[in-house]
């Protein structure tokens, strides 16, 4: 399920005993990922990357806290890099040139 929300960030929510699996895409505020190309395409493909990682590749293993921000142009810890790196790769590999030079250059 993909849900458009007013939450602060877009995110993938893995299934658990108290959560249903979903992708939440932020529609308002500074992190809005709707109608803001190419960020919107990258964000959606990135969150689908988390879903693929979870469902088809054995689950997302958290080895460290990603903190409140894990932008492409900022360093993150090694533990966060595994999960976020796969999702970033998935976004670029599936969306390719549609993302423009910032993401695919």
PDB file of N, CA and C in Angstrom:
ATOM      1  N   UNK A   1       0.845  -1.169   0.000  1.00  0.00           N
ATOM      2  CA  UNK A   1       0.000   0.000   0.000  1.00  0.00           C
ATOM      3  C   UNK A   1       0.892   1.234   0.000  1.00  0.00           C
ATOM      4  N   UNK A   2       0.525   2.211  -0.787  1.00  0.00           N
ATOM      5  CA  UNK A   2       1.205   3.500  -0.789  1.00  0.00           C
ATOM      6  C   UNK A   2       0.197   4.527  -0.297  1.00  0.00           C
ATOM      7  N   UNK A   3       0.623   5.314   0.667  1.00  0.00           N
ATOM      8  CA  UNK A   3      -0.259   6.311   1.271  1.00  0.00           C
ATOM      9  C   UNK A   3       0.392   7.686   1.173  1.00  0.00           C
ATOM     10  N   UNK A   4      -0.331   8.665   0.693  1.00  0.00           N
ATOM     11  CA  UNK A   4       0.127  10.046   0.694  1.00  0.00           C
ATOM     12  C   UNK A   4      -0.217  10.616   2.059  1.00  0.00           C
ATOM     13  N   UNK A   5       0.761  11.260   2.692  1.00  0.00           N
ATOM     14  CA  UNK A   5       0.589  11.695   4.072  1.00  0.00           C
ATOM     15  C   UNK A   5       1.147  13.092   4.283  1.00  0.00           C
ATOM     16  N   UNK A   6       0.846  13.671   5.408  1.00  0.00           N
ATOM     17  CA  UNK A   6       1.431  14.960   5.777  1.00  0.00           C
ATOM     18  C   UNK A   6       2.544  14.773   6.805  1.00  0.00           C
ATOM     19  N   UNK A   7       3.033  13.549   6.945  1.00  0.00           N
ATOM     20  CA  UNK A   7       4.131  13.270   7.880  1.00  0.00           C
ATOM     21  C   UNK A   7       5.371  14.062   7.483  1.00  0.00           C
ATOM     22  N   UNK A   8       6.314  14.167   8.396  1.00  0.00           N
ATOM     23  CA  UNK A   8       7.518  14.964   8.164  1.00  0.00           C
ATOM     24  C   UNK A   8       8.423  14.372   7.086  1.00  0.00           C
ATOM     25  N   UNK A   9       8.474  13.038   6.991  1.00  0.00           N
ATOM     26  CA  UNK A   9       9.342  12.384   6.014  1.00  0.00           C
ATOM     27  C   UNK A   9       8.602  11.262   5.301  1.00  0.00           C
ATOM     28  N   UNK A  10       9.075  10.936   4.106  1.00  0.00           N
ATOM     29  CA  UNK A  10       8.576   9.752   3.407  1.00  0.00           C
ATOM     30  C   UNK A  10       9.301   8.553   3.990  1.00  0.00           C
ATOM     31  N   UNK A  11       8.618   7.387   4.014  1.00  0.00           N
ATOM     32  CA  UNK A  11       9.251   6.225   4.621  1.00  0.00           C
ATOM     33  C   UNK A  11       8.563   4.938   4.201  1.00  0.00           C
ATOM     34  N   UNK A  12       9.313   3.850   4.358  1.00  0.00           N
ATOM     35  CA  UNK A  12       8.766   2.511   4.198  1.00  0.00           C
ATOM     36  C   UNK A  12       8.556   1.956   5.594  1.00  0.00           C
ATOM     37  N   UNK A  13       7.394   1.374   5.838  1.00  0.00           N
ATOM     38  CA  UNK A  13       7.081   0.754   7.122  1.00  0.00           C
ATOM     39  C   UNK A  13       6.989  -0.748   6.892  1.00  0.00           C
ATOM     40  N   UNK A  14       7.931  -1.486   7.501  1.00  0.00           N
ATOM     41  CA  UNK A  14       7.948  -2.943   7.362  1.00  0.00           C
ATOM     42  C   UNK A  14       6.805  -3.556   8.159  1.00  0.00           C
ATOM     43  N   UNK A  15       6.298  -4.687   7.701  1.00  0.00           N
ATOM     44  CA  UNK A  15       5.202  -5.335   8.436  1.00  0.00           C
ATOM     45  C   UNK A  15       5.679  -5.852   9.789  1.00  0.00           C
ATOM     46  N   UNK A  16       4.811  -5.755  10.760  1.00  0.00           N
ATOM     47  CA  UNK A  16       5.112  -6.267  12.098  1.00  0.00           C
ATOM     48  C   UNK A  16       3.794  -6.610  12.780  1.00  0.00           C
ATOM     49  N   UNK A  17       3.893  -7.007  14.023  1.00  0.00           N
ATOM     50  CA  UNK A  17       2.689  -7.361  14.777  1.00  0.00           C
ATOM     51  C   UNK A  17       1.779  -6.156  14.987  1.00  0.00           C
ATOM     52  N   UNK A  18       2.323  -4.945  14.978  1.00  0.00           N
ATOM     53  CA  UNK A  18       1.518  -3.752  15.259  1.00  0.00           C
ATOM     54  C   UNK A  18       1.462  -2.770  14.091  1.00  0.00           C
ATOM     55  N   UNK A  19       2.118  -3.084  12.955  1.00  0.00           N
ATOM     56  CA  UNK A  19       2.112  -2.199  11.788  1.00  0.00           C
ATOM     57  C   UNK A  19       1.785  -3.003  10.538  1.00  0.00           C
ATOM     58  N   UNK A  20       1.061  -2.416   9.610  1.00  0.00           N
ATOM     59  CA  UNK A  20       0.858  -3.045   8.316  1.00  0.00           C
ATOM     60  C   UNK A  20       1.882  -2.468   7.342  1.00  0.00           C
ATOM     61  N   UNK A  21       2.296  -3.265   6.378  1.00  0.00           N
ATOM     62  CA  UNK A  21       3.311  -2.827   5.424  1.00  0.00           C
ATOM     63  C   UNK A  21       2.767  -1.707   4.557  1.00  0.00           C
ATOM     64  N   UNK A  22       3.579  -0.657   4.396  1.00  0.00           N
ATOM     65  CA  UNK A  22       3.139   0.466   3.574  1.00  0.00           C
ATOM     66  C   UNK A  22       4.314   1.372   3.232  1.00  0.00           C
ATOM     67  N   UNK A  23       4.103   2.177   2.226  1.00  0.00           N
ATOM     68  CA  UNK A  23       5.015   3.259   1.875  1.00  0.00           C
ATOM     69  C   UNK A  23       4.238   4.535   2.104  1.00  0.00           C
ATOM     70  N   UNK A  24       4.827   5.452   2.843  1.00  0.00           N
ATOM     71  CA  UNK A  24       4.196   6.752   3.094  1.00  0.00           C
ATOM     72  C   UNK A  24       4.996   7.817   2.351  1.00  0.00           C
ATOM     73  N   UNK A  25       4.316   8.582   1.512  1.00  0.00           N
ATOM     74  CA  UNK A  25       4.957   9.631   0.736  1.00  0.00           C
ATOM     75  C   UNK A  25       4.451  10.977   1.233  1.00  0.00           C
ATOM     76  N   UNK A  26       5.381  11.824   1.629  1.00  0.00           N
ATOM     77  CA  UNK A  26       5.060  13.131   2.195  1.00  0.00           C
ATOM     78  C   UNK A  26       4.576  14.084   1.107  1.00  0.00           C
ATOM     79  N   UNK A  27       3.457  14.749   1.360  1.00  0.00           N
ATOM     80  CA  UNK A  27       2.866  15.652   0.377  1.00  0.00           C
ATOM     81  C   UNK A  27       3.014  17.123   0.733  1.00  0.00           C
ATOM     82  N   UNK A  28       3.423  17.416   1.954  1.00  0.00           N
ATOM     83  CA  UNK A  28       3.496  18.819   2.380  1.00  0.00           C
ATOM     84  C   UNK A  28       4.828  19.096   3.063  1.00  0.00           C
ATOM     85  N   UNK A  29       5.124  20.373   3.237  1.00  0.00           N
ATOM     86  CA  UNK A  29       6.319  20.774   3.972  1.00  0.00           C
ATOM     87  C   UNK A  29       7.587  20.738   3.133  1.00  0.00           C
ATOM     88  N   UNK A  30       8.725  20.977   3.773  1.00  0.00           N
ATOM     89  CA  UNK A  30       9.998  21.068   3.049  1.00  0.00           C
ATOM     90  C   UNK A  30      10.457  19.751   2.430  1.00  0.00           C
ATOM     91  N   UNK A  31       9.958  18.624   2.914  1.00  0.00           N
ATOM     92  CA  UNK A  31      10.343  17.319   2.379  1.00  0.00           C
ATOM     93  C   UNK A  31       9.282  16.724   1.460  1.00  0.00           C
ATOM     94  N   UNK A  32       8.390  17.564   0.947  1.00  0.00           N
ATOM     95  CA  UNK A  32       7.313  17.080   0.083  1.00  0.00           C
ATOM     96  C   UNK A  32       7.890  16.310  -1.098  1.00  0.00           C
ATOM     97  N   UNK A  33       7.372  15.120  -1.321  1.00  0.00           N
ATOM     98  CA  UNK A  33       7.853  14.266  -2.396  1.00  0.00           C
ATOM     99  C   UNK A  33       6.775  14.018  -3.447  1.00  0.00           C
ATOM    100  N   UNK A  34       5.825  14.917  -3.532  1.00  0.00           N
ATOM    101  CA  UNK A  34       4.782  14.832  -4.542  1.00  0.00           C
ATOM    102  C   UNK A  34       4.909  16.060  -5.431  1.00  0.00           C
ATOM    103  N   UNK A  35       4.947  15.857  -6.722  1.00  0.00           N
ATOM    104  CA  UNK A  35       5.032  16.929  -7.707  1.00  0.00           C
ATOM    105  C   UNK A  35       6.274  17.802  -7.524  1.00  0.00           C
ATOM    106  N   UNK A  36       7.393  17.185  -7.207  1.00  0.00           N
ATOM    107  CA  UNK A  36       8.643  17.935  -7.097  1.00  0.00           C
ATOM    108  C   UNK A  36       9.761  17.156  -7.799  1.00  0.00           C
ATOM    109  N   UNK A  37       9.703  17.072  -9.132  1.00  0.00           N
ATOM    110  CA  UNK A  37      10.687  16.287  -9.870  1.00  0.00           C
ATOM    111  C   UNK A  37      12.096  16.853  -9.703  1.00  0.00           C
ATOM    112  N   UNK A  38      13.126  16.024  -9.742  1.00  0.00           N
ATOM    113  CA  UNK A  38      13.110  14.570  -9.809  1.00  0.00           C
ATOM    114  C   UNK A  38      13.041  13.923  -8.424  1.00  0.00           C
ATOM    115  N   UNK A  39      12.944  14.738  -7.373  1.00  0.00           N
ATOM    116  CA  UNK A  39      12.918  14.215  -6.005  1.00  0.00           C
ATOM    117  C   UNK A  39      11.764  13.247  -5.798  1.00  0.00           C
ATOM    118  N   UNK A  40      10.620  13.532  -6.406  1.00  0.00           N
ATOM    119  CA  UNK A  40       9.464  12.656  -6.216  1.00  0.00           C
ATOM    120  C   UNK A  40       9.712  11.263  -6.783  1.00  0.00           C
ATOM    121  N   UNK A  41      10.293  11.171  -7.967  1.00  0.00           N
ATOM    122  CA  UNK A  41      10.590   9.863  -8.564  1.00  0.00           C
ATOM    123  C   UNK A  41      11.629   9.108  -7.741  1.00  0.00           C
ATOM    124  N   UNK A  42      12.667   9.836  -7.326  1.00  0.00           N
ATOM    125  CA  UNK A  42      13.718   9.194  -6.531  1.00  0.00           C
ATOM    126  C   UNK A  42      13.142   8.668  -5.218  1.00  0.00           C
ATOM    127  N   UNK A  43      12.350   9.475  -4.536  1.00  0.00           N
ATOM    128  CA  UNK A  43      11.793   9.083  -3.239  1.00  0.00           C
ATOM    129  C   UNK A  43      10.916   7.849  -3.364  1.00  0.00           C
ATOM    130  N   UNK A  44      10.029   7.828  -4.330  1.00  0.00           N
ATOM    131  CA  UNK A  44       9.150   6.679  -4.495  1.00  0.00           C
ATOM    132  C   UNK A  44       9.954   5.418  -4.827  1.00  0.00           C
ATOM    133  N   UNK A  45      10.903   5.516  -5.755  1.00  0.00           N
ATOM    134  CA  UNK A  45      11.721   4.352  -6.111  1.00  0.00           C
ATOM    135  C   UNK A  45      12.606   3.920  -4.941  1.00  0.00           C
ATOM    136  N   UNK A  46      13.078   4.877  -4.151  1.00  0.00           N
ATOM    137  CA  UNK A  46      13.886   4.574  -2.963  1.00  0.00           C
ATOM    138  C   UNK A  46      13.061   3.781  -1.947  1.00  0.00           C
ATOM    139  N   UNK A  47      11.852   4.233  -1.672  1.00  0.00           N
ATOM    140  CA  UNK A  47      11.003   3.532  -0.701  1.00  0.00           C
ATOM    141  C   UNK A  47      10.584   2.152  -1.224  1.00  0.00           C
ATOM    142  N   UNK A  48      10.336   2.029  -2.532  1.00  0.00           N
ATOM    143  CA  UNK A  48      10.079   0.707  -3.104  1.00  0.00           C
ATOM    144  C   UNK A  48      11.309  -0.180  -2.972  1.00  0.00           C
ATOM    145  N   UNK A  49      12.504   0.415  -3.011  1.00  0.00           N
ATOM    146  CA  UNK A  49      13.736  -0.343  -2.784  1.00  0.00           C
ATOM    147  C   UNK A  49      13.757  -0.953  -1.395  1.00  0.00           C
ATOM    148  N   UNK A  50      13.316  -0.194  -0.400  1.00  0.00           N
ATOM    149  CA  UNK A  50      13.213  -0.755   0.955  1.00  0.00           C
ATOM    150  C   UNK A  50      12.217  -1.917   0.981  1.00  0.00           C
ATOM    151  N   UNK A  51      11.090  -1.773   0.279  1.00  0.00           N
ATOM    152  CA  UNK A  51      10.092  -2.843   0.244  1.00  0.00           C
ATOM    153  C   UNK A  51      10.652  -4.091  -0.442  1.00  0.00           C
ATOM    154  N   UNK A  52      11.390  -3.915  -1.534  1.00  0.00           N
ATOM    155  CA  UNK A  52      12.020  -5.048  -2.208  1.00  0.00           C
ATOM    156  C   UNK A  52      13.043  -5.716  -1.290  1.00  0.00           C
ATOM    157  N   UNK A  53      13.838  -4.913  -0.623  1.00  0.00           N
ATOM    158  CA  UNK A  53      14.834  -5.429   0.312  1.00  0.00           C
ATOM    159  C   UNK A  53      14.161  -6.264   1.396  1.00  0.00           C
ATOM    160  N   UNK A  54      13.059  -5.782   1.899  1.00  0.00           N
ATOM    161  CA  UNK A  54      12.325  -6.466   2.955  1.00  0.00           C
ATOM    162  C   UNK A  54      11.675  -7.760   2.454  1.00  0.00           C
ATOM    163  N   UNK A  55      10.966  -7.667   1.333  1.00  0.00           N
ATOM    164  CA  UNK A  55      10.157  -8.797   0.884  1.00  0.00           C
ATOM    165  C   UNK A  55      10.891  -9.850   0.076  1.00  0.00           C
ATOM    166  N   UNK A  56      11.846  -9.439  -0.736  1.00  0.00           N
ATOM    167  CA  UNK A  56      12.472 -10.388  -1.656  1.00  0.00           C
ATOM    168  C   UNK A  56      13.910 -10.750  -1.305  1.00  0.00           C
ATOM    169  N   UNK A  57      14.551  -9.961  -0.484  1.00  0.00           N
ATOM    170  CA  UNK A  57      15.976 -10.171  -0.226  1.00  0.00           C
ATOM    171  C   UNK A  57      16.290 -10.494   1.228  1.00  0.00           C
ATOM    172  N   UNK A  58      15.323 -11.002   1.952  1.00  0.00           N
ATOM    173  CA  UNK A  58      15.599 -11.485   3.297  1.00  0.00           C
ATOM    174  C   UNK A  58      15.418 -10.499   4.421  1.00  0.00           C
ATOM    175  N   UNK A  59      14.844  -9.369   4.153  1.00  0.00           N
ATOM    176  CA  UNK A  59      14.554  -8.420   5.219  1.00  0.00           C
ATOM    177  C   UNK A  59      15.604  -7.337   5.364  1.00  0.00           C
ATOM    178  N   UNK A  60      15.194  -6.245   5.950  1.00  0.00           N
ATOM    179  CA  UNK A  60      16.075  -5.113   6.195  1.00  0.00           C
ATOM    180  C   UNK A  60      16.703  -5.309   7.568  1.00  0.00           C
ATOM    181  N   UNK A  61      17.994  -5.363   7.607  1.00  0.00           N
ATOM    182  CA  UNK A  61      18.709  -5.536   8.865  1.00  0.00           C
ATOM    183  C   UNK A  61      19.280  -4.192   9.289  1.00  0.00           C
ATOM    184  N   UNK A  62      18.837  -3.691  10.397  1.00  0.00           N
ATOM    185  CA  UNK A  62      19.327  -2.414  10.907  1.00  0.00           C
ATOM    186  C   UNK A  62      20.575  -2.653  11.740  1.00  0.00           C
ATOM    187  N   UNK A  63      21.677  -2.100  11.292  1.00  0.00           N
ATOM    188  CA  UNK A  63      22.937  -2.242  12.014  1.00  0.00           C
ATOM    189  C   UNK A  63      23.324  -0.967  12.736  1.00  0.00           C
ATOM    190  N   UNK A  64      22.527   0.048  12.627  1.00  0.00           N
ATOM    191  CA  UNK A  64      22.829   1.313  13.280  1.00  0.00           C
ATOM    192  C   UNK A  64      21.699   2.291  13.040  1.00  0.00           C
ATOM    193  N   UNK A  65      21.688   3.337  13.811  1.00  0.00           N
ATOM    194  CA  UNK A  65      20.663   4.357  13.696  1.00  0.00           C
ATOM    195  C   UNK A  65      20.995   5.284  12.533  1.00  0.00           C
ATOM    196  N   UNK A  66      20.024   5.505  11.667  1.00  0.00           N
ATOM    197  CA  UNK A  66      20.245   6.390  10.525  1.00  0.00           C
ATOM    198  C   UNK A  66      20.066   7.860  10.890  1.00  0.00           C
ATOM    199  N   UNK A  67      19.558   8.133  12.060  1.00  0.00           N
ATOM    200  CA  UNK A  67      19.337   9.520  12.442  1.00  0.00           C
ATOM    201  C   UNK A  67      18.165  10.125  11.692  1.00  0.00           C
ATOM    202  N   UNK A  68      17.995  11.410  11.833  1.00  0.00           N
ATOM    203  CA  UNK A  68      16.838  12.061  11.224  1.00  0.00           C
ATOM    204  C   UNK A  68      17.066  12.402   9.753  1.00  0.00           C
ATOM    205  N   UNK A  69      18.312  12.403   9.312  1.00  0.00           N
ATOM    206  CA  UNK A  69      18.599  12.732   7.922  1.00  0.00           C
ATOM    207  C   UNK A  69      19.656  11.791   7.377  1.00  0.00           C
ATOM    208  N   UNK A  70      19.415  11.281   6.184  1.00  0.00           N
ATOM    209  CA  UNK A  70      20.424  10.466   5.507  1.00  0.00           C
ATOM    210  C   UNK A  70      20.391  10.812   4.027  1.00  0.00           C
ATOM    211  N   UNK A  71      20.772  12.046   3.760  1.00  0.00           N
ATOM    212  CA  UNK A  71      20.774  12.562   2.401  1.00  0.00           C
ATOM    213  C   UNK A  71      21.923  11.971   1.598  1.00  0.00           C
ATOM    214  N   UNK A  72      21.778  11.995   0.289  1.00  0.00           N
ATOM    215  CA  UNK A  72      22.807  11.464  -0.596  1.00  0.00           C
ATOM    216  C   UNK A  72      24.124  12.211  -0.485  1.00  0.00           C
ATOM    217  N   UNK A  73      24.059  13.497  -0.193  1.00  0.00           N
ATOM    218  CA  UNK A  73      25.269  14.315  -0.187  1.00  0.00           C
ATOM    219  C   UNK A  73      25.877  14.486   1.205  1.00  0.00           C
ATOM    220  N   UNK A  74      25.473  13.668   2.162  1.00  0.00           N
ATOM    221  CA  UNK A  74      26.021  13.737   3.515  1.00  0.00           C
ATOM    222  C   UNK A  74      26.461  12.350   3.960  1.00  0.00           C
ATOM    223  N   UNK A  75      27.541  12.292   4.756  1.00  0.00           N
ATOM    224  CA  UNK A  75      27.990  10.982   5.245  1.00  0.00           C
ATOM    225  C   UNK A  75      27.002  10.395   6.256  1.00  0.00           C
ATOM    226  N   UNK A  76      26.939   9.067   6.279  1.00  0.00           N
ATOM    227  CA  UNK A  76      26.128   8.349   7.262  1.00  0.00           C
ATOM    228  C   UNK A  76      26.978   7.248   7.855  1.00  0.00           C
ATOM    229  N   UNK A  77      26.496   6.633   8.912  1.00  0.00           N
ATOM    230  CA  UNK A  77      27.281   5.559   9.523  1.00  0.00           C
ATOM    231  C   UNK A  77      27.202   4.281   8.687  1.00  0.00           C
ATOM    232  N   UNK A  78      28.146   3.385   8.921  1.00  0.00           N
ATOM    233  CA  UNK A  78      28.242   2.157   8.143  1.00  0.00           C
ATOM    234  C   UNK A  78      26.979   1.307   8.286  1.00  0.00           C
ATOM    235  N   UNK A  79      26.411   1.257   9.491  1.00  0.00           N
ATOM    236  CA  UNK A  79      25.213   0.462   9.709  1.00  0.00           C
ATOM    237  C   UNK A  79      24.037   0.933   8.880  1.00  0.00           C
ATOM    238  N   UNK A  80      23.892   2.216   8.753  1.00  0.00           N
ATOM    239  CA  UNK A  80      22.793   2.785   7.976  1.00  0.00           C
ATOM    240  C   UNK A  80      23.044   2.620   6.478  1.00  0.00           C
ATOM    241  N   UNK A  81      24.296   2.611   6.090  1.00  0.00           N
ATOM    242  CA  UNK A  81      24.646   2.556   4.673  1.00  0.00           C
ATOM    243  C   UNK A  81      24.114   1.305   3.988  1.00  0.00           C
ATOM    244  N   UNK A  82      24.069   0.185   4.666  1.00  0.00           N
ATOM    245  CA  UNK A  82      23.593  -1.056   4.056  1.00  0.00           C
ATOM    246  C   UNK A  82      22.145  -0.927   3.597  1.00  0.00           C
ATOM    247  N   UNK A  83      21.285  -0.482   4.477  1.00  0.00           N
ATOM    248  CA  UNK A  83      19.868  -0.351   4.151  1.00  0.00           C
ATOM    249  C   UNK A  83      19.603   0.801   3.185  1.00  0.00           C
ATOM    250  N   UNK A  84      20.135   1.967   3.495  1.00  0.00           N
ATOM    251  CA  UNK A  84      19.882   3.143   2.662  1.00  0.00           C
ATOM    252  C   UNK A  84      20.612   3.054   1.331  1.00  0.00           C
ATOM    253  N   UNK A  85      21.800   2.456   1.340  1.00  0.00           N
ATOM    254  CA  UNK A  85      22.548   2.301   0.098  1.00  0.00           C
ATOM    255  C   UNK A  85      21.815   1.429  -0.899  1.00  0.00           C
ATOM    256  N   UNK A  86      21.219   0.341  -0.424  1.00  0.00           N
ATOM    257  CA  UNK A  86      20.452  -0.519  -1.326  1.00  0.00           C
ATOM    258  C   UNK A  86      19.266   0.248  -1.895  1.00  0.00           C
ATOM    259  N   UNK A  87      18.554   0.971  -1.048  1.00  0.00           N
ATOM    260  CA  UNK A  87      17.378   1.717  -1.514  1.00  0.00           C
ATOM    261  C   UNK A  87      17.784   2.808  -2.505  1.00  0.00           C
ATOM    262  N   UNK A  88      18.906   3.487  -2.251  1.00  0.00           N
ATOM    263  CA  UNK A  88      19.394   4.500  -3.193  1.00  0.00           C
ATOM    264  C   UNK A  88      19.768   3.861  -4.521  1.00  0.00           C
ATOM    265  N   UNK A  89      20.482   2.727  -4.449  1.00  0.00           N
ATOM    266  CA  UNK A  89      20.858   2.018  -5.677  1.00  0.00           C
ATOM    267  C   UNK A  89      19.610   1.611  -6.457  1.00  0.00           C
ATOM    268  N   UNK A  90      18.627   1.071  -5.773  1.00  0.00           N
ATOM    269  CA  UNK A  90      17.390   0.648  -6.443  1.00  0.00           C
ATOM    270  C   UNK A  90      16.747   1.829  -7.166  1.00  0.00           C
ATOM    271  N   UNK A  91      16.710   2.976  -6.529  1.00  0.00           N
ATOM    272  CA  UNK A  91      16.097   4.157  -7.145  1.00  0.00           C
ATOM    273  C   UNK A  91      16.830   4.550  -8.427  1.00  0.00           C
ATOM    274  N   UNK A  92      18.140   4.604  -8.363  1.00  0.00           N
ATOM    275  CA  UNK A  92      18.911   5.010  -9.540  1.00  0.00           C
ATOM    276  C   UNK A  92      18.862   3.940 -10.624  1.00  0.00           C
ATOM    277  N   UNK A  93      18.943   2.665 -10.233  1.00  0.00           N
ATOM    278  CA  UNK A  93      18.922   1.581 -11.219  1.00  0.00           C
ATOM    279  C   UNK A  93      17.576   1.473 -11.936  1.00  0.00           C
ATOM    280  N   UNK A  94      16.488   1.756 -11.257  1.00  0.00           N
ATOM    281  CA  UNK A  94      15.173   1.618 -11.875  1.00  0.00           C
ATOM    282  C   UNK A  94      14.705   2.881 -12.583  1.00  0.00           C
ATOM    283  N   UNK A  95      15.125   4.039 -12.107  1.00  0.00           N
ATOM    284  CA  UNK A  95      14.652   5.294 -12.703  1.00  0.00           C
ATOM    285  C   UNK A  95      15.652   5.898 -13.689  1.00  0.00           C
ATOM    286  N   UNK A  96      16.923   5.527 -13.575  1.00  0.00           N
ATOM    287  CA  UNK A  96      17.948   5.948 -14.528  1.00  0.00           C
ATOM    288  C   UNK A  96      17.955   7.430 -14.842  1.00  0.00           C
ATOM    289  N   UNK A  97      17.981   7.731 -16.127  1.00  0.00           N
ATOM    290  CA  UNK A  97      18.087   9.106 -16.594  1.00  0.00           C
ATOM    291  C   UNK A  97      16.919   9.997 -16.221  1.00  0.00           C
ATOM    292  N   UNK A  98      15.796   9.418 -15.829  1.00  0.00           N
ATOM    293  CA  UNK A  98      14.637  10.213 -15.422  1.00  0.00           C
ATOM    294  C   UNK A  98      14.947  11.069 -14.205  1.00  0.00           C
ATOM    295  N   UNK A  99      15.973  10.701 -13.475  1.00  0.00           N
ATOM    296  CA  UNK A  99      16.302  11.400 -12.233  1.00  0.00           C
ATOM    297  C   UNK A  99      17.182  12.624 -12.443  1.00  0.00           C
ATOM    298  N   UNK A 100      17.785  12.762 -13.586  1.00  0.00           N
ATOM    299  CA  UNK A 100      18.643  13.908 -13.851  1.00  0.00           C
ATOM    300  C   UNK A 100      20.047  13.690 -13.320  1.00  0.00           C
ATOM    301  N   UNK A 101      20.895  14.649 -13.549  1.00  0.00           N
ATOM    302  CA  UNK A 101      22.330  14.530 -13.229  1.00  0.00           C
ATOM    303  C   UNK A 101      22.607  14.409 -11.748  1.00  0.00           C
ATOM    304  N   UNK A 102      21.812  15.032 -10.879  1.00  0.00           N
ATOM    305  CA  UNK A 102      22.101  14.991  -9.435  1.00  0.00           C
ATOM    306  C   UNK A 102      22.091  13.567  -8.919  1.00  0.00           C
ATOM    307  N   UNK A 103      21.149  12.755  -9.366  1.00  0.00           N
ATOM    308  CA  UNK A 103      21.024  11.398  -8.880  1.00  0.00           C
ATOM    309  C   UNK A 103      21.793  10.383  -9.714  1.00  0.00           C
ATOM    310  N   UNK A 104      21.848  10.571 -11.016  1.00  0.00           N
ATOM    311  CA  UNK A 104      22.437   9.546 -11.870  1.00  0.00           C
ATOM    312  C   UNK A 104      23.779   9.942 -12.468  1.00  0.00           C
ATOM    313  N   UNK A 105      24.266  11.131 -12.176  1.00  0.00           N
ATOM    314  CA  UNK A 105      25.537  11.582 -12.768  1.00  0.00           C
ATOM    315  C   UNK A 105      26.634  11.221 -11.923  1.00  0.00           C
TER     316      UNK A 105
END
